[in-house]
Protein backbone atom coordinates (compact mmCIF):
# COMPACT_ATOMS: atom_id res chain seq x y z
CA UNK A 1 223.86 67.68 -110.02
CA UNK A 2 225.96 66.11 -107.24
CA UNK A 3 226.18 69.44 -105.46
CA UNK A 4 222.39 69.82 -105.62
CA UNK A 5 221.89 66.36 -104.10
CA UNK A 6 224.41 67.17 -101.36
CA UNK A 7 222.62 70.41 -100.49
CA UNK A 8 219.25 68.63 -100.34
CA UNK A 9 220.67 65.95 -98.02
CA UNK A 10 222.29 68.59 -95.81
CA UNK A 11 218.93 70.38 -95.52
CA UNK A 12 217.03 67.16 -94.85
CA UNK A 13 219.27 65.94 -92.02
CA UNK A 14 218.51 68.77 -89.52
CA UNK A 15 214.80 68.62 -90.32
CA UNK A 16 214.74 64.89 -89.72
CA UNK A 17 216.63 65.15 -86.45
CA UNK A 18 214.09 67.67 -85.10
CA UNK A 19 211.40 64.99 -85.06
CA UNK A 20 213.12 63.06 -82.24
CA UNK A 21 211.98 63.86 -78.70
CA UNK A 22 213.62 63.32 -75.35
CA UNK A 23 217.38 63.31 -74.98
CA UNK A 24 218.17 62.63 -78.64
CA UNK A 25 217.96 59.60 -80.94
CA UNK A 26 219.59 56.27 -80.12
CA UNK A 27 222.26 54.94 -82.53
CA UNK A 28 222.56 51.32 -83.72
CA UNK A 29 224.47 49.38 -86.40
CA UNK A 30 223.50 46.59 -88.81
CA UNK A 31 225.79 44.44 -90.96
CA UNK A 32 224.50 43.53 -94.47
CA UNK A 33 225.99 41.42 -97.26
CA UNK A 34 225.41 44.38 -99.57
CA UNK A 35 223.54 47.67 -99.39
CA UNK A 36 222.45 48.63 -102.91
CA UNK A 37 220.50 51.92 -102.99
CA UNK A 38 221.04 52.36 -99.21
CA UNK A 39 222.53 55.74 -98.33
CA UNK A 40 222.24 58.32 -95.52
CA UNK A 41 218.70 59.66 -94.95
CA UNK A 42 217.12 56.32 -96.00
CA UNK A 43 214.13 55.68 -93.70
CA UNK A 44 214.10 53.09 -90.94
CA UNK A 45 210.66 51.58 -90.18
CA UNK A 46 208.95 49.27 -87.64
CA UNK A 47 205.64 47.76 -88.74
CA UNK A 48 205.71 50.16 -91.72
CA UNK A 49 205.95 53.27 -89.48
CA UNK A 50 208.95 55.61 -89.81
CA UNK A 51 210.97 55.52 -86.57
CA UNK A 52 214.40 56.73 -87.74
CA UNK A 53 216.89 57.15 -90.58
CA UNK A 54 220.25 55.91 -91.82
CA UNK A 55 223.16 58.20 -90.87
CA UNK A 56 226.17 56.41 -92.36
CA UNK A 57 227.04 53.55 -94.75
CA UNK A 58 230.55 52.17 -94.91
CA UNK A 59 232.21 49.10 -96.42
CA UNK A 60 233.71 46.56 -94.01
CA UNK A 61 235.48 43.27 -94.77
CA UNK A 62 232.89 40.88 -96.15
CA UNK A 63 229.94 43.30 -96.13
CA UNK A 64 228.53 46.74 -95.37
CA UNK A 65 228.04 48.40 -91.96
CA UNK A 66 224.93 50.61 -91.86
CA UNK A 67 224.62 53.08 -88.98
CA UNK A 68 221.11 54.31 -88.17
CA UNK A 69 219.37 56.18 -85.42
CA UNK A 70 215.81 55.82 -84.13
CA UNK A 71 213.43 57.80 -81.95
CA UNK A 72 214.31 57.37 -78.22
CA UNK A 73 210.68 56.50 -77.44
CA UNK A 74 210.90 53.34 -79.61
CA UNK A 75 212.34 50.17 -78.09
CA UNK A 76 213.79 47.26 -80.08
CA UNK A 77 213.80 43.66 -78.85
CA UNK A 78 217.19 42.12 -78.11
CA UNK A 79 216.79 39.66 -81.02
CA UNK A 80 215.59 42.25 -83.58
CA UNK A 81 216.21 41.55 -87.29
CA UNK A 82 216.76 43.98 -90.18
CA UNK A 83 215.95 43.75 -93.88
CA UNK A 84 216.48 46.05 -96.84
CA UNK A 85 213.09 46.46 -98.55
CA UNK A 86 212.74 48.01 -102.05
CA UNK A 87 209.88 50.48 -102.43
CA UNK A 88 209.88 49.73 -106.21
CA UNK A 89 211.86 47.49 -108.56
CA UNK A 90 214.56 50.08 -109.30
CA UNK A 91 213.62 52.84 -106.85
CA UNK A 92 214.34 53.95 -103.29
CA UNK A 93 214.70 51.43 -100.46
CA UNK A 94 214.20 51.48 -96.68
CA UNK A 95 215.29 49.33 -93.74
CA UNK A 96 212.58 47.34 -91.98
CA UNK A 97 213.15 46.28 -88.33
CA UNK A 98 211.13 43.32 -87.02
CA UNK A 99 209.57 42.05 -84.85
CA UNK A 100 208.27 45.00 -82.83
CA UNK A 101 209.02 45.24 -79.11
CA UNK A 102 206.43 43.39 -77.00
CA UNK A 103 208.32 43.14 -73.70
CA UNK A 104 211.42 41.51 -72.24
CA UNK A 105 215.08 42.44 -72.89
CA UNK A 106 215.63 45.41 -75.20
CA UNK A 107 218.49 46.00 -77.65
CA UNK A 108 221.16 48.10 -75.95
CA UNK A 109 222.08 51.41 -77.53
CA UNK A 110 225.12 51.16 -79.82
CA UNK A 111 224.57 47.42 -80.46
CA UNK A 112 225.17 45.86 -83.88
CA UNK A 113 222.64 43.60 -85.58
CA UNK A 114 224.84 40.78 -86.97
CA UNK A 115 224.73 39.62 -90.57
CA UNK A 116 222.96 36.41 -89.46
CA UNK A 117 219.88 38.55 -88.56
CA UNK A 118 219.85 40.76 -91.68
CA UNK A 119 218.51 40.19 -95.20
CA UNK A 120 218.82 41.97 -98.55
CA UNK A 121 216.53 41.67 -101.62
CA UNK A 122 217.53 39.92 -104.84
CA UNK A 123 218.69 42.36 -107.49
CA UNK A 124 217.11 42.42 -111.02
CA UNK A 125 220.43 41.64 -112.72
CA UNK A 126 220.80 38.54 -110.49
CA UNK A 127 217.31 37.37 -111.46
CA UNK A 128 218.00 37.91 -115.14
CA UNK A 129 221.34 36.13 -114.85
CA UNK A 130 219.74 33.16 -113.10
CA UNK A 131 216.97 32.97 -115.72
CA UNK A 132 219.54 33.12 -118.50
CA UNK A 133 221.57 30.35 -116.85
CA UNK A 134 218.44 28.19 -116.47
CA UNK A 135 217.27 28.69 -120.05
CA UNK A 136 220.77 28.19 -121.37
CA UNK A 137 221.05 24.87 -119.58
CA UNK A 138 217.97 23.42 -121.34
CA UNK A 139 218.89 20.89 -124.04
CA UNK A 140 216.90 21.61 -127.25
CA UNK A 141 216.95 17.96 -128.28
CA UNK A 142 215.58 16.87 -124.89
CA UNK A 143 212.76 19.41 -125.08
CA UNK A 144 211.91 18.31 -128.64
CA UNK A 145 211.81 14.66 -127.58
CA UNK A 146 209.56 15.52 -124.59
CA UNK A 147 207.10 17.40 -126.83
CA UNK A 148 206.99 14.56 -129.39
CA UNK A 149 206.44 11.92 -126.71
CA UNK A 150 203.68 14.00 -125.08
CA UNK A 151 201.94 14.45 -128.45
CA UNK A 152 202.13 10.69 -129.13
CA UNK A 153 200.71 9.81 -125.71
CA UNK A 154 197.85 12.33 -125.89
CA UNK A 155 196.90 11.45 -129.46
CA UNK A 156 193.45 9.85 -129.54
CA UNK A 157 192.80 10.43 -125.81
CA UNK A 158 191.28 13.88 -126.05
CA UNK A 159 187.81 12.71 -124.99
CA UNK A 160 189.16 10.82 -121.98
CA UNK A 161 191.27 13.80 -121.04
CA UNK A 162 188.21 16.08 -121.25
CA UNK A 163 186.25 13.70 -118.99
CA UNK A 164 189.14 13.61 -116.53
CA UNK A 165 189.23 17.40 -116.42
CA UNK A 166 185.43 17.53 -116.06
CA UNK A 167 185.42 15.01 -113.21
CA UNK A 168 188.32 16.82 -111.56
CA UNK A 169 186.36 20.07 -111.72
CA UNK A 170 183.33 18.30 -110.19
CA UNK A 171 185.49 16.92 -107.37
CA UNK A 172 186.94 20.36 -106.71
CA UNK A 173 183.46 21.86 -106.67
CA UNK A 174 182.27 19.21 -104.18
CA UNK A 175 185.27 19.82 -101.96
CA UNK A 176 184.68 23.55 -102.17
CA UNK A 177 181.05 23.15 -101.09
CA UNK A 178 182.18 21.02 -98.13
CA UNK A 179 185.08 23.26 -97.14
CA UNK A 180 183.43 24.27 -93.84
CA UNK A 181 182.84 20.63 -92.88
CA UNK A 182 186.38 19.69 -93.92
CA UNK A 183 187.79 22.60 -91.91
CA UNK A 184 185.79 21.54 -88.85
CA UNK A 185 186.95 17.94 -89.35
CA UNK A 186 190.56 19.10 -89.48
CA UNK A 187 190.03 21.18 -86.30
CA UNK A 188 188.50 18.22 -84.44
CA UNK A 189 191.28 15.90 -85.63
CA UNK A 190 193.80 18.44 -84.39
CA UNK A 191 192.06 18.54 -80.98
CA UNK A 192 192.10 14.74 -80.85
CA UNK A 193 195.79 14.65 -81.76
CA UNK A 194 196.63 17.25 -79.11
CA UNK A 195 194.61 15.36 -76.47
CA UNK A 196 196.31 12.08 -77.36
CA UNK A 197 199.73 13.73 -77.28
CA UNK A 198 199.08 15.06 -73.77
CA UNK A 199 197.86 11.63 -72.65
CA UNK A 200 200.77 9.72 -74.16
CA UNK A 201 202.22 8.69 -70.79
CA UNK A 202 198.82 7.61 -69.43
CA UNK A 203 198.05 5.59 -72.57
CA UNK A 204 201.47 3.94 -72.31
CA UNK A 205 200.81 2.99 -68.67
CA UNK A 206 197.37 1.65 -69.61
CA UNK A 207 198.85 -0.54 -72.34
CA UNK A 208 201.58 -1.81 -70.01
CA UNK A 209 199.07 -2.55 -67.24
CA UNK A 210 196.77 -4.32 -69.69
CA UNK A 211 199.72 -6.36 -70.91
CA UNK A 212 200.62 -7.28 -67.31
CA UNK A 213 197.02 -8.32 -66.55
CA UNK A 214 196.81 -10.42 -69.69
CA UNK A 215 200.16 -12.03 -68.87
CA UNK A 216 199.02 -12.81 -65.34
CA UNK A 217 195.75 -14.31 -66.55
CA UNK A 218 197.58 -16.40 -69.12
CA UNK A 219 200.10 -17.59 -66.50
CA UNK A 220 197.32 -18.62 -64.13
CA UNK A 221 195.04 -20.06 -66.78
CA UNK A 222 195.00 -23.52 -65.23
CA UNK A 223 194.11 -22.15 -61.78
CA UNK A 224 191.37 -19.99 -63.25
CA UNK A 225 189.92 -22.93 -65.12
CA UNK A 226 189.89 -24.96 -61.88
CA UNK A 227 188.23 -22.09 -60.00
CA UNK A 228 185.55 -21.68 -62.66
CA UNK A 229 184.93 -25.43 -62.67
CA UNK A 230 184.67 -25.45 -58.86
CA UNK A 231 182.24 -22.51 -58.90
CA UNK A 232 180.13 -24.31 -61.49
CA UNK A 233 180.01 -27.47 -59.35
CA UNK A 234 179.19 -25.44 -56.21
CA UNK A 235 176.36 -23.70 -58.08
CA UNK A 236 174.97 -27.07 -59.19
CA UNK A 237 175.12 -28.46 -55.63
CA UNK A 238 173.49 -25.33 -54.21
CA UNK A 239 170.74 -25.53 -56.80
CA UNK A 240 170.16 -29.19 -55.92
CA UNK A 241 170.02 -28.33 -52.20
CA UNK A 242 167.55 -25.50 -52.77
CA UNK A 243 165.33 -27.69 -54.95
CA UNK A 244 165.35 -30.48 -52.34
CA UNK A 245 164.28 -28.07 -49.55
CA UNK A 246 162.09 -25.80 -51.62
CA UNK A 247 158.88 -26.34 -49.59
CA UNK A 248 160.28 -25.56 -46.07
CA UNK A 249 162.33 -22.64 -47.46
CA UNK A 250 159.18 -21.17 -48.98
CA UNK A 251 157.40 -21.37 -45.61
CA UNK A 252 160.37 -19.85 -43.73
CA UNK A 253 160.78 -17.02 -46.22
CA UNK A 254 157.06 -16.26 -46.05
CA UNK A 255 157.22 -16.11 -42.22
CA UNK A 256 160.37 -13.94 -42.37
CA UNK A 257 158.65 -11.61 -44.80
CA UNK A 258 155.64 -11.22 -42.48
CA UNK A 259 157.99 -10.53 -39.56
CA UNK A 260 159.86 -7.88 -41.52
CA UNK A 261 156.63 -6.23 -42.61
CA UNK A 262 155.39 -6.20 -39.00
CA UNK A 263 158.65 -4.63 -37.84
CA UNK A 264 158.43 -2.06 -40.63
CA UNK A 265 154.86 -1.08 -39.68
CA UNK A 266 155.84 -0.72 -36.00
CA UNK A 267 159.20 0.97 -36.52
CA UNK A 268 157.96 4.32 -35.20
CA UNK A 269 156.41 2.64 -32.16
CA UNK A 270 159.67 0.82 -31.44
CA UNK A 271 161.60 4.08 -31.72
CA UNK A 272 159.21 5.89 -29.39
CA UNK A 273 159.32 2.99 -26.90
CA UNK A 274 163.12 3.07 -26.93
CA UNK A 275 163.10 6.83 -26.35
CA UNK A 276 160.85 6.65 -23.32
CA UNK A 277 162.55 3.51 -22.01
CA UNK A 278 165.88 5.36 -22.12
CA UNK A 279 164.46 8.21 -20.08
CA UNK A 280 162.80 5.74 -17.68
CA UNK A 281 166.03 3.84 -17.05
CA UNK A 282 167.93 7.12 -16.70
CA UNK A 283 165.49 8.26 -14.00
CA UNK A 284 165.69 4.83 -12.35
CA UNK A 285 169.51 5.05 -12.28
CA UNK A 286 169.24 8.35 -10.43
CA UNK A 287 166.71 6.96 -7.98
CA UNK A 288 168.67 3.79 -7.12
CA UNK A 289 172.07 3.23 -5.50
CA UNK A 290 173.28 -0.04 -7.06
CA UNK A 291 176.34 -0.23 -4.78
CA UNK A 292 174.16 -0.44 -1.62
CA UNK A 293 171.09 -1.95 -3.31
CA UNK A 294 168.62 0.64 -2.03
CA UNK A 295 166.33 3.32 -3.36
CA UNK A 296 167.33 6.88 -2.63
CA UNK A 297 164.39 7.73 -0.37
CA UNK A 298 164.46 10.51 2.25
CA UNK A 299 168.18 11.11 2.96
CA UNK A 300 169.71 7.85 1.73
CA UNK A 301 171.28 9.54 -1.30
CA UNK A 302 172.37 12.62 0.58
CA UNK A 303 176.13 12.04 0.26
CA UNK A 304 175.90 11.09 -3.43
CA UNK A 305 173.71 14.11 -4.09
CA UNK A 306 176.28 16.41 -2.49
CA UNK A 307 178.98 14.91 -4.70
CA UNK A 308 176.84 15.53 -7.80
CA UNK A 309 176.26 19.14 -6.73
CA UNK A 310 179.97 19.62 -6.11
CA UNK A 311 180.72 18.25 -9.57
CA UNK A 312 178.16 20.67 -11.06
CA UNK A 313 179.73 23.54 -9.11
CA UNK A 314 183.18 22.57 -10.40
CA UNK A 315 181.89 22.49 -13.97
CA UNK A 316 180.47 26.00 -13.59
CA UNK A 317 183.80 27.24 -12.21
CA UNK A 318 185.59 25.64 -15.19
CA UNK A 319 183.26 27.52 -17.54
CA UNK A 320 184.12 30.74 -15.69
CA UNK A 321 187.83 30.07 -16.23
CA UNK A 322 187.25 29.39 -19.93
CA UNK A 323 185.38 32.69 -20.30
CA UNK A 324 188.01 34.55 -18.19
CA UNK A 325 185.34 35.58 -15.63
CA UNK A 326 187.51 35.39 -12.50
CA UNK A 327 184.86 36.48 -9.99
CA UNK A 328 182.81 33.29 -10.45
CA UNK A 329 185.74 30.86 -10.20
CA UNK A 330 185.28 30.55 -6.39
CA UNK A 331 182.74 28.29 -4.57
CA UNK A 332 181.64 31.24 -2.41
CA UNK A 333 180.21 32.98 -5.49
CA UNK A 334 177.80 30.14 -6.27
CA UNK A 335 177.00 29.40 -2.59
CA UNK A 336 175.95 33.04 -2.12
CA UNK A 337 173.89 33.43 -5.28
CA UNK A 338 172.35 29.94 -5.52
CA UNK A 339 172.25 28.77 -1.90
CA UNK A 340 169.54 26.23 -2.59
CA UNK A 341 172.06 24.22 -4.67
CA UNK A 342 175.60 25.02 -3.61
CA UNK A 343 175.48 26.05 0.08
CA UNK A 344 176.16 22.93 2.19
CA UNK A 345 176.33 24.49 5.70
CA UNK A 346 173.47 23.59 8.08
CA UNK A 347 172.41 27.23 8.44
CA UNK A 348 172.29 28.02 4.70
CA UNK A 349 169.10 29.74 3.50
CA UNK A 350 167.00 27.87 1.00
CA UNK A 351 167.21 30.72 -1.46
CA UNK A 352 164.63 31.45 -4.19
CA UNK A 353 161.92 28.86 -4.79
CA UNK A 354 163.13 28.27 -8.38
CA UNK A 355 166.61 26.75 -8.37
CA UNK A 356 166.82 26.91 -12.16
CA UNK A 357 165.81 30.58 -12.15
CA UNK A 358 168.36 31.41 -9.44
CA UNK A 359 171.12 29.67 -11.46
CA UNK A 360 170.12 31.58 -14.61
CA UNK A 361 170.21 34.92 -12.75
CA UNK A 362 173.61 34.12 -11.31
CA UNK A 363 175.00 33.28 -14.77
CA UNK A 364 173.49 36.39 -16.35
CA UNK A 365 175.21 38.43 -13.62
CA UNK A 366 178.56 37.40 -15.15
CA UNK A 367 178.60 38.97 -18.67
CA UNK A 368 181.55 36.98 -20.03
CA UNK A 369 180.12 33.63 -18.87
CA UNK A 370 176.64 34.58 -20.09
CA UNK A 371 178.01 35.56 -23.55
CA UNK A 372 179.87 32.25 -23.94
CA UNK A 373 176.85 30.12 -22.96
CA UNK A 374 174.46 32.15 -25.16
CA UNK A 375 176.84 31.63 -28.12
CA UNK A 376 177.01 27.88 -27.41
CA UNK A 377 173.20 27.66 -27.20
CA UNK A 378 172.83 29.54 -30.51
CA UNK A 379 175.26 27.12 -32.17
CA UNK A 380 172.89 24.30 -31.17
CA UNK A 381 169.82 26.26 -32.29
CA UNK A 382 168.49 26.62 -28.70
CA UNK A 383 168.20 29.18 -25.91
CA UNK A 384 170.35 29.52 -22.82
CA UNK A 385 167.36 28.48 -20.65
CA UNK A 386 167.26 25.21 -22.57
CA UNK A 387 171.02 24.77 -22.14
CA UNK A 388 170.82 25.28 -18.32
CA UNK A 389 167.85 22.91 -18.17
CA UNK A 390 169.90 20.26 -19.99
CA UNK A 391 172.79 20.82 -17.55
CA UNK A 392 170.50 20.25 -14.56
CA UNK A 393 168.63 17.32 -16.14
CA UNK A 394 171.86 15.46 -16.86
CA UNK A 395 173.29 15.92 -13.34
CA UNK A 396 170.84 16.37 -10.47
CA UNK A 397 167.64 16.54 -12.47
CA UNK A 398 165.56 19.67 -12.94
CA UNK A 399 164.53 20.73 -9.38
CA UNK A 400 161.63 22.79 -10.77
CA UNK A 401 160.05 20.47 -13.30
CA UNK A 402 159.22 16.81 -12.75
CA UNK A 403 156.27 16.83 -15.10
CA UNK A 404 158.25 14.78 -17.65
CA UNK A 405 157.99 11.77 -15.29
CA UNK A 406 154.21 11.71 -15.66
CA UNK A 407 154.13 9.56 -18.85
CA UNK A 408 156.20 6.88 -17.12
CA UNK A 409 153.74 6.67 -14.20
CA UNK A 410 150.56 6.22 -16.28
CA UNK A 411 149.10 2.74 -16.97
CA UNK A 412 148.67 3.70 -20.63
CA UNK A 413 152.45 4.01 -21.02
CA UNK A 414 153.10 0.51 -19.74
CA UNK A 415 150.23 -0.92 -21.80
CA UNK A 416 151.63 0.67 -24.96
CA UNK A 417 155.30 -0.12 -24.24
CA UNK A 418 155.03 -3.65 -22.84
CA UNK A 419 151.72 -4.89 -24.17
CA UNK A 420 150.08 -5.17 -20.70
CA UNK A 421 149.04 -3.18 -17.66
CA UNK A 422 151.30 -1.89 -14.90
């Protein structure tokens, strides 16, 4: 019989080894307290799937060393554990490795799983021996006394005991019908507990701050009482003052209300008047020289006008530098293309009739400058013509359009703005 078993094992070993792919199986060791029914060819499993077999079992001091090999495609975590699992009460056993590899460090080939990470099942003879020891330790007299006392206590209480059992069954039934609600209650209580645990520091600070505030209020109780008393007296005096002057206050408040309503009704008119007054005073500031106290009629403002034009010319050259358009960074460029504005020699031609149009054509002749100004105008939601018009209006005025002055020169404007005629 032994020879037959040996032949079967010898035939099974090559067949089992053929199932491993790659460069051959990896070998590991595991130390167990004992290894009953564990012998070579016993299966090694991970999650119930066969991944290898036992190749050797030998006795070592204090235990048993089991050598096994597994498929090279299977990895084991560095902290893997091993257990001997019986397939039946007295039958064959296998070695279960757990947990399965999910990532991280892997167990190196040739490593030994120590006895602290292995487990073996309880043997039937141990269970029987333990049961025999337990039953043998029971004192017959003590058991007899317990049964007699229980019979004496329960005698005559059968009906009460039946009711207790009946009510207990009813309670269990009620709890069973409310199991979903109880489960949800437990879940919500768990959420509350988790939330409170994460807010422990904040709750502690809140309690400490509240304690500090209460301590401060208690320490300044006398001052607070005096303040409250003073506020009460001030309120009484104010009430007496208001009652004594109730009639004139009513008249003043009524007049103030009418004034506010009048201002509210004429708010748009005030805004429009301010708008046109701003433009009027702006035009007046351009028409008057406050240093010499004269109006700029004929050629009185000639020198100041030249300075304004020079400043405008400098601004245009600065824009050329910003846009890297070098050809328009010289005064000669603007004097040649817009002579009506920037040529100051006595023999300069007047240039095109439209100064604004000539300036626009000169700018459009410089692509880089034109692109920068068009982008700036788009950012403001306007056109480049509007942008150049604003540039002229805010410096020398628009040489081609004085129509905007017409509202300031009409009698209706003065009658509407100042309540009289001009």
